[in-house]
Amino acid sequence: MEFKKALKQIKKAMIAQEKASRPQAPLPTREEEIQGECLCTDSQQQFKTLYTTELEANHQAKFLYDEQGVYLIVYPCPTSSGWHLTKG
């Protein structure tokens, strides 16, 4: 019984050490978020463009509608201060 407890403790310690040694992807800085990326991704796991103002996002949505006929909806980013476009 003591042997099983010791094995569990060793396994737990090894898992913790493995997790601690894994390289962590750095989170974007506030400046990087403002420059056009946040943690939001689209259906293809690509980072969404972050527009700094609702007006800027609306202009882009109108441009894409005029140029490509794609109707997009502007919505606030749920993780940072900015705006995204999504298909409507």
N, C-alpha and C. Protein backbone atom coordinates (compact mmCIF):
# COMPACT_ATOMS: atom_id res chain seq x y z
N MET A 1 0.82 -1.19 0.00
CA MET A 1 0.00 0.00 0.00
C MET A 1 0.87 1.26 0.00
N GLU A 2 1.91 1.27 0.81
CA GLU A 2 2.83 2.41 0.85
C GLU A 2 3.51 2.60 -0.50
N PHE A 3 3.77 1.50 -1.17
CA PHE A 3 4.43 1.55 -2.46
C PHE A 3 3.55 2.28 -3.48
N LYS A 4 2.25 1.99 -3.47
CA LYS A 4 1.32 2.65 -4.39
C LYS A 4 1.24 4.14 -4.11
N LYS A 5 1.23 4.52 -2.85
CA LYS A 5 1.19 5.94 -2.49
C LYS A 5 2.45 6.64 -2.98
N ALA A 6 3.59 5.98 -2.80
CA ALA A 6 4.85 6.56 -3.25
C ALA A 6 4.86 6.73 -4.76
N LEU A 7 4.35 5.74 -5.48
CA LEU A 7 4.29 5.84 -6.94
C LEU A 7 3.39 6.98 -7.39
N LYS A 8 2.25 7.14 -6.72
CA LYS A 8 1.34 8.24 -7.06
C LYS A 8 2.01 9.59 -6.83
N GLN A 9 2.74 9.72 -5.74
CA GLN A 9 3.43 10.97 -5.44
C GLN A 9 4.51 11.26 -6.48
N ILE A 10 5.23 10.23 -6.87
CA ILE A 10 6.28 10.40 -7.89
C ILE A 10 5.65 10.81 -9.22
N LYS A 11 4.58 10.12 -9.58
CA LYS A 11 3.89 10.44 -10.83
C LYS A 11 3.39 11.88 -10.82
N LYS A 12 2.80 12.29 -9.71
CA LYS A 12 2.28 13.65 -9.57
C LYS A 12 3.41 14.67 -9.70
N ALA A 13 4.54 14.39 -9.08
CA ALA A 13 5.69 15.29 -9.14
C ALA A 13 6.24 15.37 -10.56
N MET A 14 6.28 14.24 -11.26
CA MET A 14 6.79 14.22 -12.63
C MET A 14 5.88 15.01 -13.56
N ILE A 15 4.58 14.88 -13.39
CA ILE A 15 3.63 15.63 -14.22
C ILE A 15 3.77 17.12 -13.97
N ALA A 16 3.90 17.51 -12.70
CA ALA A 16 4.07 18.92 -12.37
C ALA A 16 5.36 19.47 -12.96
N GLN A 17 6.43 18.69 -12.90
CA GLN A 17 7.70 19.13 -13.46
C GLN A 17 7.61 19.26 -14.97
N GLU A 18 6.93 18.32 -15.62
CA GLU A 18 6.77 18.36 -17.07
C GLU A 18 5.98 19.60 -17.49
N LYS A 19 4.91 19.90 -16.77
CA LYS A 19 4.11 21.09 -17.08
C LYS A 19 4.93 22.36 -16.90
N ALA A 20 5.73 22.39 -15.85
CA ALA A 20 6.53 23.59 -15.57
C ALA A 20 7.62 23.80 -16.62
N SER A 21 8.10 22.72 -17.22
CA SER A 21 9.20 22.84 -18.18
C SER A 21 8.73 23.10 -19.61
N ARG A 22 7.42 23.00 -19.86
CA ARG A 22 6.89 23.27 -21.21
C ARG A 22 7.00 24.75 -21.52
N PRO A 23 7.45 25.07 -22.72
CA PRO A 23 7.49 26.49 -23.08
C PRO A 23 6.08 27.04 -23.23
N GLN A 24 5.86 28.21 -22.68
CA GLN A 24 4.56 28.85 -22.75
C GLN A 24 4.60 29.94 -23.82
N ALA A 25 3.57 29.96 -24.65
CA ALA A 25 3.47 31.02 -25.65
C ALA A 25 3.19 32.34 -24.92
N PRO A 26 3.94 33.37 -25.23
CA PRO A 26 3.70 34.64 -24.55
C PRO A 26 2.37 35.25 -24.96
N LEU A 27 1.69 35.84 -24.01
CA LEU A 27 0.45 36.53 -24.31
C LEU A 27 0.78 37.85 -25.01
N PRO A 28 -0.08 38.28 -25.90
CA PRO A 28 0.20 39.55 -26.57
C PRO A 28 0.16 40.71 -25.59
N THR A 29 1.01 41.68 -25.83
CA THR A 29 1.00 42.88 -25.00
C THR A 29 -0.17 43.75 -25.42
N ARG A 30 -0.49 44.74 -24.62
CA ARG A 30 -1.59 45.64 -24.95
C ARG A 30 -1.33 46.35 -26.28
N GLU A 31 -0.06 46.69 -26.53
CA GLU A 31 0.27 47.35 -27.78
C GLU A 31 0.00 46.43 -28.97
N GLU A 32 0.32 45.15 -28.83
CA GLU A 32 0.06 44.20 -29.92
C GLU A 32 -1.43 44.04 -30.16
N GLU A 33 -2.22 44.03 -29.09
CA GLU A 33 -3.67 43.92 -29.24
C GLU A 33 -4.21 45.12 -30.01
N ILE A 34 -3.73 46.30 -29.66
CA ILE A 34 -4.21 47.52 -30.31
C ILE A 34 -3.78 47.55 -31.77
N GLN A 35 -2.63 46.95 -32.09
CA GLN A 35 -2.14 46.96 -33.46
C GLN A 35 -2.91 46.02 -34.37
N GLY A 36 -3.87 45.30 -33.88
CA GLY A 36 -4.70 44.52 -34.78
C GLY A 36 -4.90 43.06 -34.43
N GLU A 37 -4.39 42.60 -33.32
CA GLU A 37 -4.62 41.21 -32.94
C GLU A 37 -5.04 41.13 -31.48
N CYS A 38 -5.87 40.17 -31.22
CA CYS A 38 -6.23 39.85 -29.84
C CYS A 38 -6.26 38.33 -29.77
N LEU A 39 -6.85 37.78 -28.76
CA LEU A 39 -6.87 36.33 -28.61
C LEU A 39 -8.03 35.67 -29.35
N CYS A 40 -8.90 36.45 -29.95
CA CYS A 40 -10.06 35.90 -30.66
C CYS A 40 -9.62 35.28 -31.99
N THR A 41 -10.21 34.14 -32.31
CA THR A 41 -9.88 33.47 -33.56
C THR A 41 -11.16 33.18 -34.35
N ASP A 42 -11.00 33.02 -35.65
CA ASP A 42 -12.13 32.68 -36.49
C ASP A 42 -12.29 31.17 -36.56
N SER A 43 -13.17 30.71 -37.43
CA SER A 43 -13.45 29.27 -37.52
C SER A 43 -12.25 28.47 -38.02
N GLN A 44 -11.28 29.16 -38.63
CA GLN A 44 -10.07 28.48 -39.11
C GLN A 44 -8.90 28.68 -38.17
N GLN A 45 -9.19 29.14 -36.96
CA GLN A 45 -8.20 29.37 -35.89
C GLN A 45 -7.17 30.43 -36.26
N GLN A 46 -7.55 31.37 -37.11
CA GLN A 46 -6.70 32.51 -37.44
C GLN A 46 -7.12 33.67 -36.54
N PHE A 47 -6.15 34.48 -36.12
CA PHE A 47 -6.49 35.62 -35.28
C PHE A 47 -7.37 36.59 -36.05
N LYS A 48 -8.40 37.09 -35.37
CA LYS A 48 -9.28 38.07 -35.99
C LYS A 48 -8.61 39.44 -35.95
N THR A 49 -8.98 40.28 -36.91
CA THR A 49 -8.50 41.65 -36.90
C THR A 49 -9.24 42.42 -35.82
N LEU A 50 -8.51 43.19 -35.06
CA LEU A 50 -9.09 44.00 -34.00
C LEU A 50 -9.08 45.45 -34.46
N TYR A 51 -10.26 46.03 -34.62
CA TYR A 51 -10.39 47.43 -35.01
C TYR A 51 -10.47 48.26 -33.73
N THR A 52 -9.76 49.37 -33.70
CA THR A 52 -9.69 50.15 -32.47
C THR A 52 -10.97 50.91 -32.17
N THR A 53 -11.74 51.23 -33.21
CA THR A 53 -13.01 51.95 -32.98
C THR A 53 -14.13 51.25 -33.74
N GLU A 54 -15.33 51.47 -33.28
CA GLU A 54 -16.50 50.93 -33.96
C GLU A 54 -16.63 51.55 -35.35
N LEU A 55 -16.30 52.82 -35.45
CA LEU A 55 -16.37 53.52 -36.73
C LEU A 55 -15.42 52.88 -37.75
N GLU A 56 -14.20 52.58 -37.32
CA GLU A 56 -13.23 51.93 -38.21
C GLU A 56 -13.75 50.57 -38.68
N ALA A 57 -14.33 49.81 -37.77
CA ALA A 57 -14.88 48.50 -38.13
C ALA A 57 -16.05 48.65 -39.10
N ASN A 58 -16.90 49.64 -38.87
CA ASN A 58 -18.02 49.88 -39.78
C ASN A 58 -17.55 50.28 -41.17
N HIS A 59 -16.51 51.10 -41.23
CA HIS A 59 -15.95 51.49 -42.54
C HIS A 59 -15.44 50.27 -43.29
N GLN A 60 -14.75 49.38 -42.58
CA GLN A 60 -14.22 48.17 -43.22
C GLN A 60 -15.37 47.26 -43.67
N ALA A 61 -16.40 47.14 -42.84
CA ALA A 61 -17.55 46.31 -43.21
C ALA A 61 -18.22 46.87 -44.46
N LYS A 62 -18.38 48.18 -44.53
CA LYS A 62 -18.99 48.80 -45.71
C LYS A 62 -18.11 48.60 -46.94
N PHE A 63 -16.81 48.77 -46.77
CA PHE A 63 -15.88 48.58 -47.88
C PHE A 63 -15.98 47.15 -48.43
N LEU A 64 -15.98 46.17 -47.54
CA LEU A 64 -16.06 44.78 -47.99
C LEU A 64 -17.40 44.47 -48.65
N TYR A 65 -18.45 45.11 -48.17
CA TYR A 65 -19.76 44.91 -48.80
C TYR A 65 -19.75 45.51 -50.21
N ASP A 66 -19.23 46.73 -50.32
CA ASP A 66 -19.19 47.40 -51.62
C ASP A 66 -18.29 46.67 -52.62
N GLU A 67 -17.15 46.17 -52.14
CA GLU A 67 -16.17 45.55 -53.03
C GLU A 67 -16.47 44.08 -53.33
N GLN A 68 -16.93 43.34 -52.32
CA GLN A 68 -17.07 41.90 -52.48
C GLN A 68 -18.49 41.38 -52.26
N GLY A 69 -19.39 42.27 -51.86
CA GLY A 69 -20.77 41.85 -51.62
C GLY A 69 -20.94 41.01 -50.36
N VAL A 70 -19.98 41.09 -49.46
CA VAL A 70 -20.02 40.31 -48.21
C VAL A 70 -20.62 41.18 -47.11
N TYR A 71 -21.71 40.69 -46.52
CA TYR A 71 -22.36 41.43 -45.44
C TYR A 71 -21.74 41.00 -44.11
N LEU A 72 -21.17 41.97 -43.40
CA LEU A 72 -20.52 41.70 -42.12
C LEU A 72 -21.16 42.53 -41.02
N ILE A 73 -21.17 41.97 -39.83
CA ILE A 73 -21.71 42.65 -38.65
C ILE A 73 -20.55 43.03 -37.74
N VAL A 74 -20.62 44.22 -37.19
CA VAL A 74 -19.61 44.71 -36.26
C VAL A 74 -20.05 44.35 -34.84
N TYR A 75 -19.11 43.84 -34.04
CA TYR A 75 -19.43 43.53 -32.65
C TYR A 75 -18.21 43.80 -31.77
N PRO A 76 -18.43 44.11 -30.49
CA PRO A 76 -17.30 44.40 -29.59
C PRO A 76 -16.51 43.13 -29.26
N CYS A 77 -15.20 43.27 -29.18
CA CYS A 77 -14.34 42.15 -28.81
C CYS A 77 -14.64 41.76 -27.36
N PRO A 78 -14.86 40.48 -27.10
CA PRO A 78 -15.17 40.06 -25.74
C PRO A 78 -13.95 40.01 -24.81
N THR A 79 -12.73 40.07 -25.36
CA THR A 79 -11.55 39.93 -24.51
C THR A 79 -10.69 41.18 -24.41
N SER A 80 -10.91 42.15 -25.27
CA SER A 80 -10.11 43.37 -25.20
C SER A 80 -10.95 44.54 -25.70
N SER A 81 -10.39 45.71 -25.63
CA SER A 81 -11.15 46.88 -26.08
C SER A 81 -10.92 47.07 -27.57
N GLY A 82 -11.91 46.78 -28.33
CA GLY A 82 -11.83 46.89 -29.78
C GLY A 82 -13.06 46.26 -30.39
N TRP A 83 -13.04 46.14 -31.70
CA TRP A 83 -14.20 45.65 -32.45
C TRP A 83 -13.78 44.63 -33.48
N HIS A 84 -14.68 43.68 -33.77
CA HIS A 84 -14.45 42.66 -34.78
C HIS A 84 -15.58 42.69 -35.80
N LEU A 85 -15.35 41.96 -36.90
CA LEU A 85 -16.38 41.74 -37.91
C LEU A 85 -16.72 40.26 -37.94
N THR A 86 -17.98 39.97 -38.18
CA THR A 86 -18.41 38.58 -38.34
C THR A 86 -19.44 38.52 -39.45
N LYS A 87 -19.54 37.36 -40.07
CA LYS A 87 -20.52 37.21 -41.15
C LYS A 87 -21.92 37.30 -40.58
N GLY A 88 -22.77 38.01 -41.30
CA GLY A 88 -24.13 38.22 -40.82
C GLY A 88 -25.14 37.37 -41.53
